[in-house]
Amino acid sequence: MGMRVLVAGATGAVGRRLVPRLEAAGHEVVGISRRGPRPVDVLDAGAVRRAVAGAAPDAVVHQLTDLGAADGAANNRIRVEGTRNLVDAARAAGVGRIVAQSISWAYAPGDGPADESVPLDSTEEVPRSRIVAGVRALESAVAELPEAVVLRYGILYGPGTWYAPGGAVAAALAGDPGARFLGSTAADDSVSSFVHVDDAAEAAVRALEWPPGAYNVVDDEPAPGRVWLPVLAAALGLPAPARSEGRVPWARGAVNARARALGWSPAHPSWRTGFADRGPGPPGQGV
């Protein structure tokens, strides 16, 4: 049976892929974002409360970010204040189910890919401590609702992301000193987990029926920068960066067994083929 779903962040990289998938699954969707037909400033608690009350949803999907300018502080404010406003508005409207976007690289340091039992990093080193604090605030606020699902996404790639052709990472690999993104192009032993935006969106659709809790939404192949960066560079038609030494201790990747056990599986199981896959646009939309 379809639900009425409010998507916060409906015009973002995941939101654009998510809305048509929800509709195809039989759900009625109300989308809000800073831009588009229903502009809402998520930092304005009153505006968020009115938007959620007016939509009267059965569930809320939180895909809010502020990454356009690669401003970590701005994105952290969305995680902390925007999430707080959205959770308070959902509670006031009697909404118990929420699905929220988080990240899979906030775990404590370790030698192998992390599962969901690994605690979040307790480091006091800036800027990582601020990033993790924002993630912790987001996940804690969301967990106040009785049916809260947190999706800890891997690094998003595909249309509309920094890793797409013409995106910020391509600019950085081409040597543009003005390229701005929150990530690394170090071809070292630091391990990352990726997820294609279509797979991230599909997980959000399925998560409307998942038990409460946190789930890593990543592909099947965590990999060090020295391995994945040359593949990305080749897919973008750019020279690969020189290999470097070292590993960031928290850059360990993540495993997706918990989400897979509930029936989700990535259509792009590895960045090895995913980086080069231009693919079609989202259902019902152009590329």
C-alpha atoms as a PDB file:
ATOM      1  CA  MET A   1       0.000   0.000   0.000  1.00  0.00           C
ATOM      2  CA  GLY A   2       1.364   3.363  -1.027  1.00  0.00           C
ATOM      3  CA  MET A   3       2.200   6.067   1.480  1.00  0.00           C
ATOM      4  CA  ARG A   4       2.224   9.829   1.369  1.00  0.00           C
ATOM      5  CA  VAL A   5       5.912  10.700   1.593  1.00  0.00           C
ATOM      6  CA  LEU A   6       7.523  14.078   2.158  1.00  0.00           C
ATOM      7  CA  VAL A   7      10.994  14.265   0.623  1.00  0.00           C
ATOM      8  CA  ALA A   8      13.150  17.005   2.146  1.00  0.00           C
ATOM      9  CA  GLY A   9      15.927  17.763  -0.320  1.00  0.00           C
ATOM     10  CA  ALA A  10      13.918  16.712  -3.362  1.00  0.00           C
ATOM     11  CA  THR A  11      16.084  18.643  -5.839  1.00  0.00           C
ATOM     12  CA  GLY A  12      19.448  17.283  -4.655  1.00  0.00           C
ATOM     13  CA  ALA A  13      21.593  14.643  -6.310  1.00  0.00           C
ATOM     14  CA  VAL A  14      19.766  11.800  -4.551  1.00  0.00           C
ATOM     15  CA  GLY A  15      16.394  13.547  -4.331  1.00  0.00           C
ATOM     16  CA  ARG A  16      16.111  13.926  -8.110  1.00  0.00           C
ATOM     17  CA  ARG A  17      16.610  10.168  -8.511  1.00  0.00           C
ATOM     18  CA  LEU A  18      14.435   9.315  -5.523  1.00  0.00           C
ATOM     19  CA  VAL A  19      11.177  11.134  -6.261  1.00  0.00           C
ATOM     20  CA  PRO A  20      10.343   9.267  -9.489  1.00  0.00           C
ATOM     21  CA  ARG A  21      11.264   5.961  -7.865  1.00  0.00           C
ATOM     22  CA  LEU A  22       8.902   6.600  -4.993  1.00  0.00           C
ATOM     23  CA  GLU A  23       6.125   7.469  -7.433  1.00  0.00           C
ATOM     24  CA  ALA A  24       6.840   4.344  -9.482  1.00  0.00           C
ATOM     25  CA  ALA A  25       6.513   2.321  -6.263  1.00  0.00           C
ATOM     26  CA  GLY A  26       3.008   3.700  -5.732  1.00  0.00           C
ATOM     27  CA  HIS A  27       3.739   6.419  -3.187  1.00  0.00           C
ATOM     28  CA  GLU A  28       2.352   9.957  -3.274  1.00  0.00           C
ATOM     29  CA  VAL A  29       5.249  12.383  -2.993  1.00  0.00           C
ATOM     30  CA  VAL A  30       5.505  15.922  -1.708  1.00  0.00           C
ATOM     31  CA  GLY A  31       8.953  17.401  -2.252  1.00  0.00           C
ATOM     32  CA  ILE A  32      10.471  20.395  -0.502  1.00  0.00           C
ATOM     33  CA  SER A  33      13.846  22.074  -1.002  1.00  0.00           C
ATOM     34  CA  ARG A  34      15.461  25.483  -1.049  1.00  0.00           C
ATOM     35  CA  ARG A  35      14.740  25.673  -4.773  1.00  0.00           C
ATOM     36  CA  GLY A  36      11.921  24.430  -6.984  1.00  0.00           C
ATOM     37  CA  PRO A  37       8.130  24.680  -6.745  1.00  0.00           C
ATOM     38  CA  ARG A  38       8.019  24.346  -2.936  1.00  0.00           C
ATOM     39  CA  PRO A  39      10.916  26.439  -1.607  1.00  0.00           C
ATOM     40  CA  VAL A  40      11.428  25.936   2.122  1.00  0.00           C
ATOM     41  CA  ASP A  41      14.347  27.153   4.229  1.00  0.00           C
ATOM     42  CA  VAL A  42      15.046  24.180   6.490  1.00  0.00           C
ATOM     43  CA  LEU A  43      16.860  26.477   8.924  1.00  0.00           C
ATOM     44  CA  ASP A  44      13.540  28.259   9.513  1.00  0.00           C
ATOM     45  CA  ALA A  45      11.791  26.079  12.098  1.00  0.00           C
ATOM     46  CA  GLY A  46       8.394  27.694  11.522  1.00  0.00           C
ATOM     47  CA  ALA A  47       8.570  27.242   7.759  1.00  0.00           C
ATOM     48  CA  VAL A  48       9.513  23.585   8.128  1.00  0.00           C
ATOM     49  CA  ARG A  49       6.712  22.975  10.613  1.00  0.00           C
ATOM     50  CA  ARG A  50       4.157  24.554   8.260  1.00  0.00           C
ATOM     51  CA  ALA A  51       5.441  22.569   5.274  1.00  0.00           C
ATOM     52  CA  VAL A  52       5.289  19.228   7.083  1.00  0.00           C
ATOM     53  CA  ALA A  53       1.894  19.962   8.622  1.00  0.00           C
ATOM     54  CA  GLY A  54       0.536  20.983   5.238  1.00  0.00           C
ATOM     55  CA  ALA A  55       1.840  17.859   3.550  1.00  0.00           C
ATOM     56  CA  ALA A  56       0.427  15.581   6.285  1.00  0.00           C
ATOM     57  CA  PRO A  57       2.786  12.742   5.300  1.00  0.00           C
ATOM     58  CA  ASP A  58       2.883   9.166   6.501  1.00  0.00           C
ATOM     59  CA  ALA A  59       6.682   9.289   6.365  1.00  0.00           C
ATOM     60  CA  VAL A  60       9.492  11.798   5.906  1.00  0.00           C
ATOM     61  CA  VAL A  61      12.643  11.163   3.857  1.00  0.00           C
ATOM     62  CA  HIS A  62      15.529  13.439   4.823  1.00  0.00           C
ATOM     63  CA  GLN A  63      17.979  13.987   1.941  1.00  0.00           C
ATOM     64  CA  LEU A  64      19.017  17.499   2.973  1.00  0.00           C
ATOM     65  CA  THR A  65      22.560  18.700   2.272  1.00  0.00           C
ATOM     66  CA  ASP A  66      24.303  21.996   1.529  1.00  0.00           C
ATOM     67  CA  LEU A  67      27.236  20.982  -0.615  1.00  0.00           C
ATOM     68  CA  GLY A  68      27.048  23.282  -3.625  1.00  0.00           C
ATOM     69  CA  ALA A  69      29.890  25.502  -2.410  1.00  0.00           C
ATOM     70  CA  ALA A  70      31.815  22.672  -0.717  1.00  0.00           C
ATOM     71  CA  ASP A  71      31.340  24.519   2.559  1.00  0.00           C
ATOM     72  CA  GLY A  72      31.660  21.975   5.371  1.00  0.00           C
ATOM     73  CA  ALA A  73      30.334  24.370   8.013  1.00  0.00           C
ATOM     74  CA  ALA A  74      27.197  25.090   5.972  1.00  0.00           C
ATOM     75  CA  ASN A  75      26.561  21.390   5.431  1.00  0.00           C
ATOM     76  CA  ASN A  76      27.104  20.721   9.122  1.00  0.00           C
ATOM     77  CA  ARG A  77      24.520  23.369   9.981  1.00  0.00           C
ATOM     78  CA  ILE A  78      21.997  21.529   7.804  1.00  0.00           C
ATOM     79  CA  ARG A  79      22.818  18.275   9.599  1.00  0.00           C
ATOM     80  CA  VAL A  80      22.389  19.834  13.027  1.00  0.00           C
ATOM     81  CA  GLU A  81      19.779  22.604  12.734  1.00  0.00           C
ATOM     82  CA  GLY A  82      17.960  21.420   9.622  1.00  0.00           C
ATOM     83  CA  THR A  83      17.547  17.916  11.005  1.00  0.00           C
ATOM     84  CA  ARG A  84      16.385  19.276  14.359  1.00  0.00           C
ATOM     85  CA  ASN A  85      13.711  21.365  12.642  1.00  0.00           C
ATOM     86  CA  LEU A  86      12.585  18.483  10.447  1.00  0.00           C
ATOM     87  CA  VAL A  87      12.342  16.018  13.338  1.00  0.00           C
ATOM     88  CA  ASP A  88      10.427  18.511  15.503  1.00  0.00           C
ATOM     89  CA  ALA A  89       8.049  19.220  12.616  1.00  0.00           C
ATOM     90  CA  ALA A  90       7.495  15.523  11.981  1.00  0.00           C
ATOM     91  CA  ARG A  91       6.731  14.891  15.637  1.00  0.00           C
ATOM     92  CA  ALA A  92       4.294  17.820  15.735  1.00  0.00           C
ATOM     93  CA  ALA A  93       2.516  16.419  12.669  1.00  0.00           C
ATOM     94  CA  GLY A  94       2.259  12.958  14.202  1.00  0.00           C
ATOM     95  CA  VAL A  95       4.782  11.374  11.824  1.00  0.00           C
ATOM     96  CA  GLY A  96       6.666   8.426  13.330  1.00  0.00           C
ATOM     97  CA  ARG A  97       8.652   7.139  10.346  1.00  0.00           C
ATOM     98  CA  ILE A  98      11.685   8.935   8.979  1.00  0.00           C
ATOM     99  CA  VAL A  99      14.463   7.842   6.633  1.00  0.00           C
ATOM    100  CA  ALA A 100      17.556  10.040   6.836  1.00  0.00           C
ATOM    101  CA  GLN A 101      20.766  10.420   4.854  1.00  0.00           C
ATOM    102  CA  SER A 102      23.981  10.040   6.839  1.00  0.00           C
ATOM    103  CA  ILE A 103      27.531   9.005   5.869  1.00  0.00           C
ATOM    104  CA  SER A 104      29.581   5.828   6.152  1.00  0.00           C
ATOM    105  CA  TRP A 105      32.975   7.445   6.800  1.00  0.00           C
ATOM    106  CA  ALA A 106      32.318   8.760  10.316  1.00  0.00           C
ATOM    107  CA  TYR A 107      33.368   5.500  12.019  1.00  0.00           C
ATOM    108  CA  ALA A 108      36.230   5.165  14.485  1.00  0.00           C
ATOM    109  CA  PRO A 109      39.606   4.215  12.976  1.00  0.00           C
ATOM    110  CA  GLY A 110      40.309   0.555  12.281  1.00  0.00           C
ATOM    111  CA  ASP A 111      42.022  -1.885   9.978  1.00  0.00           C
ATOM    112  CA  GLY A 112      39.074  -3.261   8.010  1.00  0.00           C
ATOM    113  CA  PRO A 113      35.777  -2.035   6.552  1.00  0.00           C
ATOM    114  CA  ALA A 114      33.309  -1.027   9.252  1.00  0.00           C
ATOM    115  CA  ASP A 115      29.920  -2.536   9.925  1.00  0.00           C
ATOM    116  CA  GLU A 116      27.185  -0.727  11.819  1.00  0.00           C
ATOM    117  CA  SER A 117      28.369  -2.016  15.206  1.00  0.00           C
ATOM    118  CA  VAL A 118      31.513   0.138  15.005  1.00  0.00           C
ATOM    119  CA  PRO A 119      31.103   3.351  17.024  1.00  0.00           C
ATOM    120  CA  LEU A 120      31.395   6.785  15.481  1.00  0.00           C
ATOM    121  CA  ASP A 121      34.817   8.384  15.720  1.00  0.00           C
ATOM    122  CA  SER A 122      35.610  10.023  19.069  1.00  0.00           C
ATOM    123  CA  THR A 123      38.499  12.112  17.740  1.00  0.00           C
ATOM    124  CA  GLU A 124      38.944  15.689  18.942  1.00  0.00           C
ATOM    125  CA  GLU A 125      40.977  16.666  15.892  1.00  0.00           C
ATOM    126  CA  VAL A 126      39.485  19.448  13.787  1.00  0.00           C
ATOM    127  CA  PRO A 127      37.924  19.418  11.207  1.00  0.00           C
ATOM    128  CA  ARG A 128      36.976  15.752  11.507  1.00  0.00           C
ATOM    129  CA  SER A 129      35.604  16.198  15.014  1.00  0.00           C
ATOM    130  CA  ARG A 130      33.153  18.789  13.687  1.00  0.00           C
ATOM    131  CA  ILE A 131      32.020  16.518  10.861  1.00  0.00           C
ATOM    132  CA  VAL A 132      31.428  13.586  13.196  1.00  0.00           C
ATOM    133  CA  ALA A 133      29.665  15.827  15.709  1.00  0.00           C
ATOM    134  CA  GLY A 134      27.257  16.894  12.964  1.00  0.00           C
ATOM    135  CA  VAL A 135      26.611  13.280  11.990  1.00  0.00           C
ATOM    136  CA  ARG A 136      26.097  12.304  15.620  1.00  0.00           C
ATOM    137  CA  ALA A 137      23.617  15.184  16.109  1.00  0.00           C
ATOM    138  CA  LEU A 138      21.709  14.184  12.953  1.00  0.00           C
ATOM    139  CA  GLU A 139      21.462  10.521  13.881  1.00  0.00           C
ATOM    140  CA  SER A 140      20.559  11.280  17.494  1.00  0.00           C
ATOM    141  CA  ALA A 141      17.773  13.671  16.511  1.00  0.00           C
ATOM    142  CA  VAL A 142      16.330  11.268  13.951  1.00  0.00           C
ATOM    143  CA  ALA A 143      16.351   8.440  16.518  1.00  0.00           C
ATOM    144  CA  GLU A 144      13.873  10.393  18.652  1.00  0.00           C
ATOM    145  CA  LEU A 145      11.143   9.238  16.275  1.00  0.00           C
ATOM    146  CA  PRO A 146       9.916   5.677  16.836  1.00  0.00           C
ATOM    147  CA  GLU A 147      10.519   4.413  13.295  1.00  0.00           C
ATOM    148  CA  ALA A 148      13.830   6.012  12.372  1.00  0.00           C
ATOM    149  CA  VAL A 149      16.045   4.552   9.651  1.00  0.00           C
ATOM    150  CA  VAL A 150      19.488   6.062   9.040  1.00  0.00           C
ATOM    151  CA  LEU A 151      21.182   5.393   5.702  1.00  0.00           C
ATOM    152  CA  ARG A 152      24.935   5.741   5.978  1.00  0.00           C
ATOM    153  CA  TYR A 153      25.764   6.389   2.348  1.00  0.00           C
ATOM    154  CA  GLY A 154      29.139   5.814   0.799  1.00  0.00           C
ATOM    155  CA  ILE A 155      30.739   8.546  -1.307  1.00  0.00           C
ATOM    156  CA  LEU A 156      28.056   9.424  -3.831  1.00  0.00           C
ATOM    157  CA  TYR A 157      28.969   9.299  -7.507  1.00  0.00           C
ATOM    158  CA  GLY A 158      26.964   9.532 -10.705  1.00  0.00           C
ATOM    159  CA  PRO A 159      24.863  12.349 -12.222  1.00  0.00           C
ATOM    160  CA  GLY A 160      24.767  15.533 -10.212  1.00  0.00           C
ATOM    161  CA  THR A 161      27.700  14.634  -7.943  1.00  0.00           C
ATOM    162  CA  TRP A 162      31.265  15.931  -7.662  1.00  0.00           C
ATOM    163  CA  TYR A 163      32.471  12.710  -9.345  1.00  0.00           C
ATOM    164  CA  ALA A 164      30.423  13.126 -12.540  1.00  0.00           C
ATOM    165  CA  PRO A 165      32.029  14.195 -15.840  1.00  0.00           C
ATOM    166  CA  GLY A 166      32.547  17.944 -15.664  1.00  0.00           C
ATOM    167  CA  GLY A 167      32.294  17.888 -11.875  1.00  0.00           C
ATOM    168  CA  ALA A 168      34.635  19.228  -9.225  1.00  0.00           C
ATOM    169  CA  VAL A 169      36.735  16.070  -8.948  1.00  0.00           C
ATOM    170  CA  ALA A 170      37.331  16.057 -12.711  1.00  0.00           C
ATOM    171  CA  ALA A 171      38.431  19.676 -12.437  1.00  0.00           C
ATOM    172  CA  ALA A 172      40.819  18.802  -9.626  1.00  0.00           C
ATOM    173  CA  LEU A 173      42.303  15.904 -11.586  1.00  0.00           C
ATOM    174  CA  ALA A 174      42.720  18.244 -14.565  1.00  0.00           C
ATOM    175  CA  GLY A 175      44.773  20.560 -12.367  1.00  0.00           C
ATOM    176  CA  ASP A 176      42.239  23.317 -11.728  1.00  0.00           C
ATOM    177  CA  PRO A 177      43.382  25.034  -8.495  1.00  0.00           C
ATOM    178  CA  GLY A 178      39.887  26.446  -8.008  1.00  0.00           C
ATOM    179  CA  ALA A 179      38.161  23.039  -7.852  1.00  0.00           C
ATOM    180  CA  ARG A 180      36.152  22.800  -4.639  1.00  0.00           C
ATOM    181  CA  PHE A 181      34.850  19.589  -3.101  1.00  0.00           C
ATOM    182  CA  LEU A 182      35.017  17.842   0.256  1.00  0.00           C
ATOM    183  CA  GLY A 183      37.138  14.819  -0.504  1.00  0.00           C
ATOM    184  CA  SER A 184      40.580  13.689  -1.568  1.00  0.00           C
ATOM    185  CA  THR A 185      42.465  12.920  -4.752  1.00  0.00           C
ATOM    186  CA  ALA A 186      45.367  11.299  -2.909  1.00  0.00           C
ATOM    187  CA  ALA A 187      46.281   8.005  -4.572  1.00  0.00           C
ATOM    188  CA  ASP A 188      47.342   6.443  -1.287  1.00  0.00           C
ATOM    189  CA  ASP A 189      46.200   3.560   0.943  1.00  0.00           C
ATOM    190  CA  SER A 190      43.228   5.412   2.471  1.00  0.00           C
ATOM    191  CA  VAL A 191      40.134   3.289   1.817  1.00  0.00           C
ATOM    192  CA  SER A 192      36.797   4.617   0.563  1.00  0.00           C
ATOM    193  CA  SER A 193      33.394   3.084  -0.071  1.00  0.00           C
ATOM    194  CA  PHE A 194      31.276   4.451  -2.910  1.00  0.00           C
ATOM    195  CA  VAL A 195      27.623   4.236  -3.886  1.00  0.00           C
ATOM    196  CA  HIS A 196      25.953   5.324  -7.123  1.00  0.00           C
ATOM    197  CA  VAL A 197      23.175   7.887  -6.641  1.00  0.00           C
ATOM    198  CA  ASP A 198      20.654   5.496  -8.222  1.00  0.00           C
ATOM    199  CA  ASP A 199      21.531   2.796  -5.682  1.00  0.00           C
ATOM    200  CA  ALA A 200      21.332   5.355  -2.877  1.00  0.00           C
ATOM    201  CA  ALA A 201      17.869   6.382  -4.057  1.00  0.00           C
ATOM    202  CA  GLU A 202      16.699   2.782  -4.335  1.00  0.00           C
ATOM    203  CA  ALA A 203      17.816   2.123  -0.771  1.00  0.00           C
ATOM    204  CA  ALA A 204      15.758   5.089   0.436  1.00  0.00           C
ATOM    205  CA  VAL A 205      12.645   3.691  -1.253  1.00  0.00           C
ATOM    206  CA  ARG A 206      13.170   0.272   0.342  1.00  0.00           C
ATOM    207  CA  ALA A 207      14.041   1.786   3.716  1.00  0.00           C
ATOM    208  CA  LEU A 208      10.463   2.975   4.147  1.00  0.00           C
ATOM    209  CA  GLU A 209       9.758  -0.634   5.146  1.00  0.00           C
ATOM    210  CA  TRP A 210      12.974  -1.459   7.028  1.00  0.00           C
ATOM    211  CA  PRO A 211      13.226  -1.924  10.798  1.00  0.00           C
ATOM    212  CA  PRO A 212      14.555   1.118  12.663  1.00  0.00           C
ATOM    213  CA  GLY A 213      18.319   1.451  12.855  1.00  0.00           C
ATOM    214  CA  ALA A 214      21.413   2.388  10.885  1.00  0.00           C
ATOM    215  CA  TYR A 215      22.411   0.777   7.586  1.00  0.00           C
ATOM    216  CA  ASN A 216      25.540   1.170   5.486  1.00  0.00           C
ATOM    217  CA  VAL A 217      24.497   1.868   1.908  1.00  0.00           C
ATOM    218  CA  VAL A 218      27.697   1.249  -0.018  1.00  0.00           C
ATOM    219  CA  ASP A 219      28.804  -0.837  -2.960  1.00  0.00           C
ATOM    220  CA  ASP A 220      30.576  -4.175  -2.647  1.00  0.00           C
ATOM    221  CA  GLU A 221      34.182  -3.035  -3.035  1.00  0.00           C
ATOM    222  CA  PRO A 222      35.853  -0.732  -0.515  1.00  0.00           C
ATOM    223  CA  ALA A 223      39.150   0.320  -2.071  1.00  0.00           C
ATOM    224  CA  PRO A 224      42.241   2.473  -1.472  1.00  0.00           C
ATOM    225  CA  GLY A 225      42.745   5.666  -3.439  1.00  0.00           C
ATOM    226  CA  ARG A 226      45.741   4.188  -5.263  1.00  0.00           C
ATOM    227  CA  VAL A 227      43.320   1.657  -6.814  1.00  0.00           C
ATOM    228  CA  TRP A 228      40.108   3.598  -7.492  1.00  0.00           C
ATOM    229  CA  LEU A 229      41.574   6.952  -8.537  1.00  0.00           C
ATOM    230  CA  PRO A 230      43.240   5.639 -11.737  1.00  0.00           C
ATOM    231  CA  VAL A 231      39.920   4.002 -12.730  1.00  0.00           C
ATOM    232  CA  LEU A 232      38.012   7.241 -12.137  1.00  0.00           C
ATOM    233  CA  ALA A 233      40.603   9.255 -14.044  1.00  0.00           C
ATOM    234  CA  ALA A 234      40.383   6.873 -17.006  1.00  0.00           C
ATOM    235  CA  ALA A 235      36.573   7.111 -17.007  1.00  0.00           C
ATOM    236  CA  LEU A 236      36.861  10.907 -17.058  1.00  0.00           C
ATOM    237  CA  GLY A 237      39.555  10.888 -19.765  1.00  0.00           C
ATOM    238  CA  LEU A 238      42.099  12.492 -17.471  1.00  0.00           C
ATOM    239  CA  PRO A 239      45.586  11.561 -16.268  1.00  0.00           C
ATOM    240  CA  ALA A 240      45.771   9.590 -13.046  1.00  0.00           C
ATOM    241  CA  PRO A 241      47.436  11.285 -10.076  1.00  0.00           C
ATOM    242  CA  ALA A 242      50.828  10.037  -8.943  1.00  0.00           C
ATOM    243  CA  ARG A 243      50.727   7.368  -6.276  1.00  0.00           C
ATOM    244  CA  SER A 244      51.444   8.588  -2.757  1.00  0.00           C
ATOM    245  CA  GLU A 245      52.199   6.898   0.547  1.00  0.00           C
ATOM    246  CA  GLY A 246      50.240   6.691   3.759  1.00  0.00           C
ATOM    247  CA  ARG A 247      46.730   6.041   5.002  1.00  0.00           C
ATOM    248  CA  VAL A 248      44.286   8.104   7.003  1.00  0.00           C
ATOM    249  CA  PRO A 249      43.396   5.782   9.938  1.00  0.00           C
ATOM    250  CA  TRP A 250      39.638   6.402   9.783  1.00  0.00           C
ATOM    251  CA  ALA A 251      39.499   5.918   6.001  1.00  0.00           C
ATOM    252  CA  ARG A 252      38.555   2.242   6.214  1.00  0.00           C
ATOM    253  CA  GLY A 253      35.449   1.800   4.037  1.00  0.00           C
ATOM    254  CA  ALA A 254      32.255   0.034   5.094  1.00  0.00           C
ATOM    255  CA  VAL A 255      30.331  -3.185   4.466  1.00  0.00           C
ATOM    256  CA  ASN A 256      26.737  -3.447   3.246  1.00  0.00           C
ATOM    257  CA  ALA A 257      25.706  -6.860   4.619  1.00  0.00           C
ATOM    258  CA  ARG A 258      22.886  -5.488   6.780  1.00  0.00           C
ATOM    259  CA  ALA A 259      21.153  -3.678   3.920  1.00  0.00           C
ATOM    260  CA  ARG A 260      21.702  -6.625   1.592  1.00  0.00           C
ATOM    261  CA  ALA A 261      20.032  -8.927   4.117  1.00  0.00           C
ATOM    262  CA  LEU A 262      16.851  -6.880   3.687  1.00  0.00           C
ATOM    263  CA  GLY A 263      16.839  -7.222  -0.090  1.00  0.00           C
ATOM    264  CA  TRP A 264      18.750  -4.165  -1.274  1.00  0.00           C
ATOM    265  CA  SER A 265      21.582  -4.846  -3.674  1.00  0.00           C
ATOM    266  CA  PRO A 266      23.480  -2.247  -5.683  1.00  0.00           C
ATOM    267  CA  ALA A 267      22.826  -2.230  -9.415  1.00  0.00           C
ATOM    268  CA  HIS A 268      26.356  -0.816  -9.568  1.00  0.00           C
ATOM    269  CA  PRO A 269      28.169  -3.325  -7.324  1.00  0.00           C
ATOM    270  CA  SER A 270      31.540  -1.720  -7.947  1.00  0.00           C
ATOM    271  CA  TRP A 271      32.921   1.668  -8.880  1.00  0.00           C
ATOM    272  CA  ARG A 272      35.152  -0.263 -11.334  1.00  0.00           C
ATOM    273  CA  THR A 273      32.315  -0.350 -13.861  1.00  0.00           C
ATOM    274  CA  GLY A 274      30.114   2.301 -12.242  1.00  0.00           C
ATOM    275  CA  PHE A 275      32.449   5.237 -12.877  1.00  0.00           C
ATOM    276  CA  ALA A 276      32.252   4.659 -16.634  1.00  0.00           C
ATOM    277  CA  ASP A 277      28.496   3.988 -16.719  1.00  0.00           C
ATOM    278  CA  ARG A 278      26.748   7.146 -17.898  1.00  0.00           C
ATOM    279  CA  GLY A 279      23.389   5.343 -17.792  1.00  0.00           C
ATOM    280  CA  PRO A 280      19.913   6.800 -18.360  1.00  0.00           C
ATOM    281  CA  GLY A 281      18.389   9.585 -16.323  1.00  0.00           C
ATOM    282  CA  PRO A 282      16.001   8.865 -13.460  1.00  0.00           C
ATOM    283  CA  PRO A 283      12.624   7.348 -14.356  1.00  0.00           C
ATOM    284  CA  GLY A 284      10.376   9.910 -15.961  1.00  0.00           C
ATOM    285  CA  GLN A 285      13.140  12.518 -16.292  1.00  0.00           C
ATOM    286  CA  GLY A 286      15.895  13.442 -18.685  1.00  0.00           C
ATOM    287  CA  VAL A 287      19.547  13.140 -17.839  1.00  0.00           C
END
